[in-house]
Amino acid sequence: MTKLLTGLVVVFTVGLIVACSSSDKVYQNNHIPPIEKNPFKFLYVRYFGEQVWADQAAQASDIPRQTVDIALINNPQQTNKITWLGHSSFLVQLPSVTFLTDPVFSERVSPVSFAGPKRLVPLTFNPEDLPKIDFVVISHNHYDHLDKMAVKALGNSTHYLVPEGLGAWFEKMGVDSNNISELAWWDSEQRANTQITATPSQHWSARGLFDRNKSHWASWLIEVDNKRLWFAGDTGYNPYDFKEIGQWAGEIDLAFIPIGAYAPRDFMKDQHVNVPEAIKIHNDVRSKLSIGMHWGTYPLTAEPVMEPAEQLIELSEHAKQGEFVSMAIGETLRLE
C-alpha cells in the first residue's frame, strides 16, 4: 500500500509539472489556446499510452557531472563565467553582477519530501559555498523551477525578479516585499547598471489543484557589461514569440534554452520544446552561444536520459549562427 501511495504521489507531482487543467484562468499564452491537460491524463499516458518510458534512474551513471569548483566561483579576479548547477539552474558571474536562474536545491521536485521526482545526480555543491548573489530570476512556479529549499537558503540576502502574480508566494516564504520585483511581459527593471526584462514564453503555472495560471510565466533578458543574456525558462515553441524577442533585443550573446522533458511528444509539445525546436529558438533569438538545460537532473518524462544532449550534438549544424552546446552538471564555462 505504501508503494502504491508513493507511486500515485510521483505521478500526481509530475502531472502538475507537465500538465494542467484550464479552469479559472488568469494568465494565458500569446499564440496557443489554453493547455487542456491534467494529472489524470498524465497518469493515463504514463501507464496506458503507447510510449515506452525510459528508466532514467538506471541510466543516471551516464550523465556528465563534476563537483563545482568552489575556489573558482568565489575568485573575484575571474569573472565572465557560468556554472550549470543542474536542470534550469545557472550561476552567472559577470564583471558587474552575479545572478542565479531558477535555483533548485531540493532532492525531490514535489509538494512532499517523501515522494516525487528524485535527483538523478546528487547536488554537486553546498549552497552555503555560493558567492554573493545580486539577484535571482524565476521563470514560473512549478516545483522543478521554484524551490522552497533554495528560497529559504537565499532568504533576504538577494533580490528576486518574478513573473506577475508570484510575489505573494515569496512573501509567504518570509522574503521582504522590497526584495521582490513582479514584472509583466516586456516590463523592465534597472538594477545598478543591469537592465532585466521579462519576455514571453509558452507555458503555464500551478503548484496545486486550485491555482492554475494564477501567476504568469516568463523568459528573461539581462543586459549588462555590454552583453545580452537570455534565459528561456520553461517553454513550448511557436514561430512568433522568440522571433519578436530576437528582433526586440538584437543579437543575444548567451542564451539558456531547454532541450529535455519532451516525450511523449503529442502530450508535451505545447509546453516543452524538443531539441529541433530548441534550435529554432536559438535561431529565432539570434543567439551567438546557447547552452542546453532542463535535462539530466530529474526524471520527468519518457525520453532516454542522454537523448537530449546526444541529439543536440547531431543537430547542432542547424544552428544558423554561433554554437549550441550542453555542459556537465557542476561544470564552469569561462566566457570570452
Protein backbone atom coordinates (compact mmCIF):
# COMPACT_ATOMS: atom_id res chain seq x y z
CA MET A 1 0.00 0.00 0.00
CA THR A 2 2.86 2.38 0.83
CA LYS A 3 4.46 1.75 -2.56
CA LEU A 4 1.13 2.38 -4.29
CA LEU A 5 0.63 5.66 -2.42
CA THR A 6 4.17 6.76 -3.19
CA GLY A 7 3.66 5.92 -6.85
CA LEU A 8 0.47 7.93 -7.01
CA VAL A 9 2.22 10.93 -5.43
CA VAL A 10 5.02 10.67 -8.00
CA VAL A 11 2.56 10.56 -10.89
CA PHE A 12 0.48 13.40 -9.45
CA THR A 13 3.57 15.57 -8.90
CA VAL A 14 4.93 15.00 -12.40
CA GLY A 15 1.44 15.63 -13.70
CA LEU A 16 1.49 19.05 -12.06
CA ILE A 17 4.82 19.75 -13.72
CA VAL A 18 3.82 18.67 -17.21
CA ALA A 19 0.05 19.13 -17.40
CA CYS A 20 -2.76 21.40 -16.28
CA SER A 21 -6.46 21.98 -16.44
CA SER A 22 -7.89 25.16 -17.89
CA SER A 23 -10.45 26.20 -15.28
CA ASP A 24 -10.41 29.69 -13.76
CA LYS A 25 -7.66 31.07 -16.00
CA VAL A 26 -5.94 34.32 -15.22
CA TYR A 27 -2.84 34.30 -17.44
CA GLN A 28 -2.57 32.90 -20.97
CA ASN A 29 -0.10 32.30 -23.75
CA ASN A 30 0.10 34.55 -26.78
CA HIS A 31 -0.36 32.11 -29.62
CA ILE A 32 -1.97 28.84 -28.48
CA PRO A 33 -5.26 28.07 -26.72
CA PRO A 34 -5.16 27.01 -23.06
CA ILE A 35 -3.34 23.72 -22.48
CA GLU A 36 -6.11 21.20 -21.75
CA LYS A 37 -4.21 18.55 -19.79
CA ASN A 38 -4.28 17.47 -16.14
CA PRO A 39 -2.53 14.97 -13.83
CA PHE A 40 -5.12 12.29 -14.54
CA LYS A 41 -4.49 12.47 -18.29
CA PHE A 42 -0.80 12.24 -17.50
CA LEU A 43 -1.49 9.13 -15.40
CA TYR A 44 -3.22 7.52 -18.38
CA VAL A 45 -0.42 8.46 -20.78
CA ARG A 46 2.24 7.24 -18.33
CA TYR A 47 0.79 3.79 -17.72
CA PHE A 48 -1.54 3.06 -20.63
CA GLY A 49 -0.11 5.07 -23.53
CA GLU A 50 1.91 3.67 -26.41
CA GLN A 51 5.16 5.46 -25.46
CA VAL A 52 7.84 3.27 -23.87
CA TRP A 53 9.24 5.15 -20.88
CA ALA A 54 12.99 5.01 -20.37
CA ASP A 55 14.27 4.14 -16.90
CA GLN A 56 16.22 7.35 -16.43
CA ALA A 57 17.35 6.41 -12.91
CA ALA A 58 19.03 3.29 -14.31
CA GLN A 59 20.77 5.48 -16.91
CA ALA A 60 21.91 8.13 -14.43
CA SER A 61 25.54 6.99 -14.39
CA ASP A 62 25.83 8.23 -17.99
CA ILE A 63 25.02 11.84 -17.05
CA PRO A 64 28.17 14.01 -17.14
CA ARG A 65 28.81 15.67 -13.80
CA GLN A 66 31.61 17.17 -11.75
CA THR A 67 31.91 18.81 -8.36
CA VAL A 68 31.53 22.58 -8.58
CA ASP A 69 34.91 24.31 -8.30
CA ILE A 70 34.18 26.38 -5.20
CA ALA A 71 37.52 28.20 -5.33
CA LEU A 72 36.88 29.23 -8.92
CA ILE A 73 33.35 30.52 -8.40
CA ASN A 74 34.50 32.51 -5.36
CA ASN A 75 37.54 34.04 -7.08
CA PRO A 76 36.65 37.71 -7.73
CA GLN A 77 39.55 38.05 -10.17
CA GLN A 78 37.98 35.54 -12.57
CA THR A 79 34.64 36.82 -13.81
CA ASN A 80 32.83 36.14 -17.09
CA LYS A 81 31.87 32.58 -16.25
CA ILE A 82 28.78 30.42 -15.92
CA THR A 83 28.24 27.26 -13.89
CA TRP A 84 25.47 24.77 -14.61
CA LEU A 85 24.05 23.68 -11.25
CA GLY A 86 21.62 21.24 -12.88
CA HIS A 87 18.20 21.37 -14.58
CA SER A 88 17.47 25.08 -15.25
CA SER A 89 19.78 26.45 -12.54
CA PHE A 90 22.77 28.51 -13.63
CA LEU A 91 25.20 30.63 -11.66
CA VAL A 92 26.14 33.54 -13.93
CA GLN A 93 29.15 35.66 -12.93
CA LEU A 94 29.98 38.78 -14.93
CA PRO A 95 32.25 41.71 -14.01
CA SER A 96 29.35 43.81 -12.68
CA VAL A 97 26.84 41.25 -11.44
CA THR A 98 26.31 37.70 -10.18
CA PHE A 99 22.89 36.08 -10.54
CA LEU A 100 21.05 32.76 -10.46
CA THR A 101 18.37 31.33 -12.74
CA ASP A 102 15.61 29.10 -11.31
CA PRO A 103 17.72 27.79 -8.38
CA VAL A 104 16.58 24.35 -7.21
CA PHE A 105 18.49 22.65 -4.38
CA SER A 106 15.98 20.02 -3.23
CA GLU A 107 16.39 16.26 -3.55
CA ARG A 108 12.87 16.00 -4.96
CA VAL A 109 10.74 18.39 -7.00
CA SER A 110 7.47 17.70 -5.28
CA PRO A 111 4.94 19.13 -2.81
CA VAL A 112 6.04 16.41 -0.35
CA SER A 113 9.52 15.38 0.76
CA PHE A 114 8.99 11.61 0.71
CA ALA A 115 7.91 11.15 -2.91
CA GLY A 116 8.08 12.76 -6.31
CA PRO A 117 10.81 13.03 -8.96
CA LYS A 118 14.17 12.47 -7.26
CA ARG A 119 17.52 13.82 -8.38
CA LEU A 120 19.35 11.64 -10.85
CA VAL A 121 22.61 13.36 -9.92
CA PRO A 122 23.22 14.50 -6.32
CA LEU A 123 23.74 18.21 -5.74
CA THR A 124 27.34 18.93 -6.75
CA PHE A 125 27.87 21.83 -4.33
CA ASN A 126 26.89 23.10 -0.90
CA PRO A 127 24.55 26.10 -1.26
CA GLU A 128 26.42 27.79 1.60
CA ASP A 129 29.50 27.92 -0.63
CA LEU A 130 27.88 30.05 -3.33
CA PRO A 131 29.19 33.60 -3.75
CA LYS A 132 27.05 36.63 -3.01
CA ILE A 133 24.07 36.65 -5.37
CA ASP A 134 22.90 40.06 -6.60
CA PHE A 135 19.57 38.81 -7.94
CA VAL A 136 17.61 35.72 -8.94
CA VAL A 137 15.30 35.34 -11.94
CA ILE A 138 12.39 32.88 -11.67
CA SER A 139 10.59 31.61 -14.78
CA HIS A 140 7.42 30.21 -13.15
CA ASN A 141 6.14 28.36 -10.11
CA HIS A 142 6.46 24.65 -10.98
CA TYR A 143 8.38 22.63 -8.39
CA ASP A 144 11.31 21.96 -10.70
CA HIS A 145 11.81 25.72 -11.16
CA LEU A 146 10.66 27.32 -7.90
CA ASP A 147 12.13 25.59 -4.86
CA LYS A 148 11.37 26.27 -1.20
CA MET A 149 14.75 24.96 -0.11
CA ALA A 150 16.59 27.35 -2.42
CA VAL A 151 14.50 30.36 -1.42
CA LYS A 152 14.97 29.54 2.27
CA ALA A 153 18.72 29.21 1.74
CA LEU A 154 18.99 32.54 -0.09
CA GLY A 155 16.37 34.33 2.01
CA ASN A 156 16.62 38.11 2.06
CA SER A 157 20.27 38.12 1.01
CA THR A 158 19.29 38.72 -2.62
CA HIS A 159 16.58 40.20 -4.85
CA TYR A 160 14.01 38.12 -6.74
CA LEU A 161 12.63 39.03 -10.16
CA VAL A 162 9.47 37.02 -10.77
CA PRO A 163 6.55 36.93 -13.21
CA GLU A 164 3.29 38.68 -12.41
CA GLY A 165 1.26 37.11 -9.61
CA LEU A 166 4.14 35.27 -7.94
CA GLY A 167 5.32 37.85 -5.43
CA ALA A 168 2.85 36.81 -2.73
CA TRP A 169 4.35 33.31 -2.62
CA PHE A 170 7.76 34.79 -1.79
CA GLU A 171 6.28 36.98 0.92
CA LYS A 172 4.71 33.88 2.49
CA MET A 173 8.21 32.40 2.49
CA GLY A 174 9.45 35.34 4.55
CA VAL A 175 11.03 37.39 1.77
CA ASP A 176 10.62 41.13 2.31
CA SER A 177 8.46 42.84 -0.29
CA ASN A 178 11.29 45.25 -1.13
CA ASN A 179 13.35 42.22 -2.21
CA ILE A 180 10.74 41.15 -4.78
CA SER A 181 10.01 42.61 -8.21
CA GLU A 182 6.99 41.33 -10.17
CA LEU A 183 7.28 42.07 -13.88
CA ALA A 184 4.76 41.67 -16.68
CA TRP A 185 5.99 40.65 -20.13
CA TRP A 186 8.08 43.44 -21.70
CA ASP A 187 8.40 45.30 -18.40
CA SER A 188 11.98 46.14 -17.40
CA GLU A 189 13.76 46.93 -14.16
CA GLN A 190 17.08 48.68 -13.81
CA ARG A 191 19.30 47.37 -11.01
CA ALA A 192 22.55 49.34 -10.82
CA ASN A 193 23.96 49.01 -14.37
CA THR A 194 21.89 45.90 -15.21
CA GLN A 195 18.60 46.01 -17.12
CA ILE A 196 16.33 43.00 -16.64
CA THR A 197 13.29 42.50 -18.88
CA ALA A 198 10.54 39.88 -18.59
CA THR A 199 9.92 38.41 -22.03
CA PRO A 200 7.30 35.89 -23.25
CA SER A 201 7.45 32.12 -23.03
CA GLN A 202 4.86 29.45 -23.80
CA HIS A 203 3.91 27.50 -20.70
CA TRP A 204 1.51 27.59 -17.71
CA SER A 205 1.64 27.66 -13.90
CA ALA A 206 0.38 25.76 -10.86
CA ARG A 207 1.66 24.41 -7.55
CA GLY A 208 -1.61 22.71 -6.58
CA LEU A 209 -5.08 21.88 -7.82
CA PHE A 210 -6.64 25.30 -7.30
CA ASP A 211 -4.10 27.87 -8.54
CA ARG A 212 -3.99 27.12 -12.27
CA ASN A 213 -2.44 30.02 -14.19
CA LYS A 214 -2.98 32.45 -11.32
CA SER A 215 0.63 33.55 -11.72
CA HIS A 216 2.38 34.13 -15.02
CA TRP A 217 5.47 32.55 -16.60
CA ALA A 218 8.31 34.32 -18.37
CA SER A 219 11.68 34.21 -20.00
CA TRP A 220 14.24 36.86 -19.02
CA LEU A 221 16.57 39.19 -20.90
CA ILE A 222 19.52 40.51 -18.87
CA GLU A 223 21.59 43.34 -20.34
CA VAL A 224 24.83 44.18 -18.54
CA ASP A 225 28.51 44.83 -19.30
CA ASN A 226 27.70 45.31 -22.99
CA LYS A 227 26.27 41.79 -23.14
CA ARG A 228 22.76 40.43 -23.67
CA LEU A 229 21.89 37.18 -21.92
CA TRP A 230 18.54 35.43 -22.29
CA PHE A 231 17.07 32.74 -20.04
CA ALA A 232 14.23 30.90 -21.80
CA GLY A 233 12.74 29.34 -18.67
CA ASP A 234 10.33 26.51 -19.48
CA THR A 235 8.60 26.74 -22.84
CA GLY A 236 6.99 25.19 -25.86
CA TYR A 237 7.67 26.55 -29.34
CA ASN A 238 5.77 28.91 -31.57
CA PRO A 239 7.10 30.83 -34.58
CA TYR A 240 6.24 34.26 -33.18
CA ASP A 241 7.34 34.96 -29.57
CA PHE A 242 11.02 34.15 -29.95
CA LYS A 243 11.42 35.96 -33.24
CA GLU A 244 9.89 39.00 -31.57
CA ILE A 245 12.38 38.70 -28.71
CA GLY A 246 15.25 38.47 -31.19
CA GLN A 247 14.03 41.50 -33.12
CA TRP A 248 13.47 43.50 -29.93
CA ALA A 249 16.78 42.64 -28.30
CA GLY A 250 19.09 42.39 -31.27
CA GLU A 251 21.71 39.64 -31.13
CA ILE A 252 21.85 37.61 -27.91
CA ASP A 253 25.36 36.91 -26.65
CA LEU A 254 24.37 33.95 -24.46
CA ALA A 255 21.09 32.04 -24.21
CA PHE A 256 19.96 29.28 -21.87
CA ILE A 257 17.43 27.11 -23.71
CA PRO A 258 15.65 23.90 -22.56
CA ILE A 259 16.33 20.72 -24.53
CA GLY A 260 14.74 17.96 -22.40
CA ALA A 261 11.44 16.69 -20.90
CA TYR A 262 9.72 16.44 -24.29
CA ALA A 263 8.32 12.89 -24.58
CA PRO A 264 5.65 11.67 -25.26
CA ARG A 265 5.67 14.35 -27.93
CA ASP A 266 1.93 14.64 -28.50
CA PHE A 267 1.43 15.28 -24.78
CA MET A 268 4.38 17.63 -24.21
CA LYS A 269 4.72 19.67 -27.39
CA ASP A 270 2.77 22.77 -26.32
CA GLN A 271 4.74 23.21 -23.10
CA HIS A 272 8.22 21.66 -23.60
CA VAL A 273 10.40 22.06 -26.68
CA ASN A 274 12.33 19.15 -28.13
CA VAL A 275 15.85 19.56 -29.49
CA PRO A 276 14.90 20.64 -33.05
CA GLU A 277 12.56 23.26 -31.58
CA ALA A 278 15.24 24.41 -29.14
CA ILE A 279 17.50 25.03 -32.14
CA LYS A 280 14.69 27.01 -33.77
CA ILE A 281 14.56 29.19 -30.65
CA HIS A 282 18.35 29.62 -30.80
CA ASN A 283 17.97 30.85 -34.38
CA ASP A 284 14.89 32.98 -33.66
CA VAL A 285 16.54 34.95 -30.84
CA ARG A 286 19.78 35.18 -32.84
CA SER A 287 21.98 33.72 -30.13
CA LYS A 288 25.75 33.65 -30.53
CA LEU A 289 26.10 30.90 -27.89
CA SER A 290 23.33 28.78 -26.38
CA ILE A 291 23.54 26.30 -23.51
CA GLY A 292 21.10 23.39 -23.31
CA MET A 293 19.31 22.95 -19.98
CA HIS A 294 16.27 21.19 -18.45
CA TRP A 295 17.69 17.69 -18.85
CA GLY A 296 19.69 15.10 -16.91
CA THR A 297 18.63 16.18 -13.43
CA TYR A 298 15.13 14.91 -12.61
CA PRO A 299 13.19 12.00 -14.22
CA LEU A 300 10.19 13.89 -15.56
CA THR A 301 9.38 12.37 -18.94
CA ALA A 302 9.82 9.37 -21.24
CA GLU A 303 12.93 10.01 -23.35
CA PRO A 304 16.26 8.27 -22.52
CA VAL A 305 18.24 10.47 -20.18
CA MET A 306 21.12 11.22 -22.58
CA GLU A 307 18.98 11.62 -25.70
CA PRO A 308 18.64 15.44 -25.49
CA ALA A 309 22.41 16.04 -25.30
CA GLU A 310 23.13 13.43 -27.98
CA GLN A 311 20.53 14.90 -30.34
CA LEU A 312 21.95 18.37 -29.74
CA ILE A 313 25.34 17.19 -31.00
CA GLU A 314 23.74 15.54 -34.04
CA LEU A 315 21.56 18.53 -34.95
CA SER A 316 23.77 21.46 -33.91
CA GLU A 317 24.72 22.08 -37.54
CA HIS A 318 21.22 23.52 -37.93
CA ALA A 319 22.14 26.41 -35.65
CA LYS A 320 22.39 29.22 -38.20
CA GLN A 321 24.87 31.24 -36.20
CA GLY A 322 27.07 30.70 -33.19
CA GLU A 323 27.13 27.50 -31.15
CA PHE A 324 24.56 25.45 -29.22
CA VAL A 325 26.18 23.12 -26.68
CA SER A 326 25.48 21.26 -23.46
CA MET A 327 27.52 21.18 -20.25
CA ALA A 328 28.25 18.73 -17.46
CA ILE A 329 26.33 19.33 -14.24
CA GLY A 330 28.68 21.31 -12.00
CA GLU A 331 30.87 22.47 -14.89
CA THR A 332 32.06 26.07 -15.09
CA LEU A 333 32.45 27.59 -18.54
CA ARG A 334 34.58 30.70 -18.95
CA LEU A 335 33.19 33.22 -21.40
CA GLU A 336 35.19 35.37 -23.78
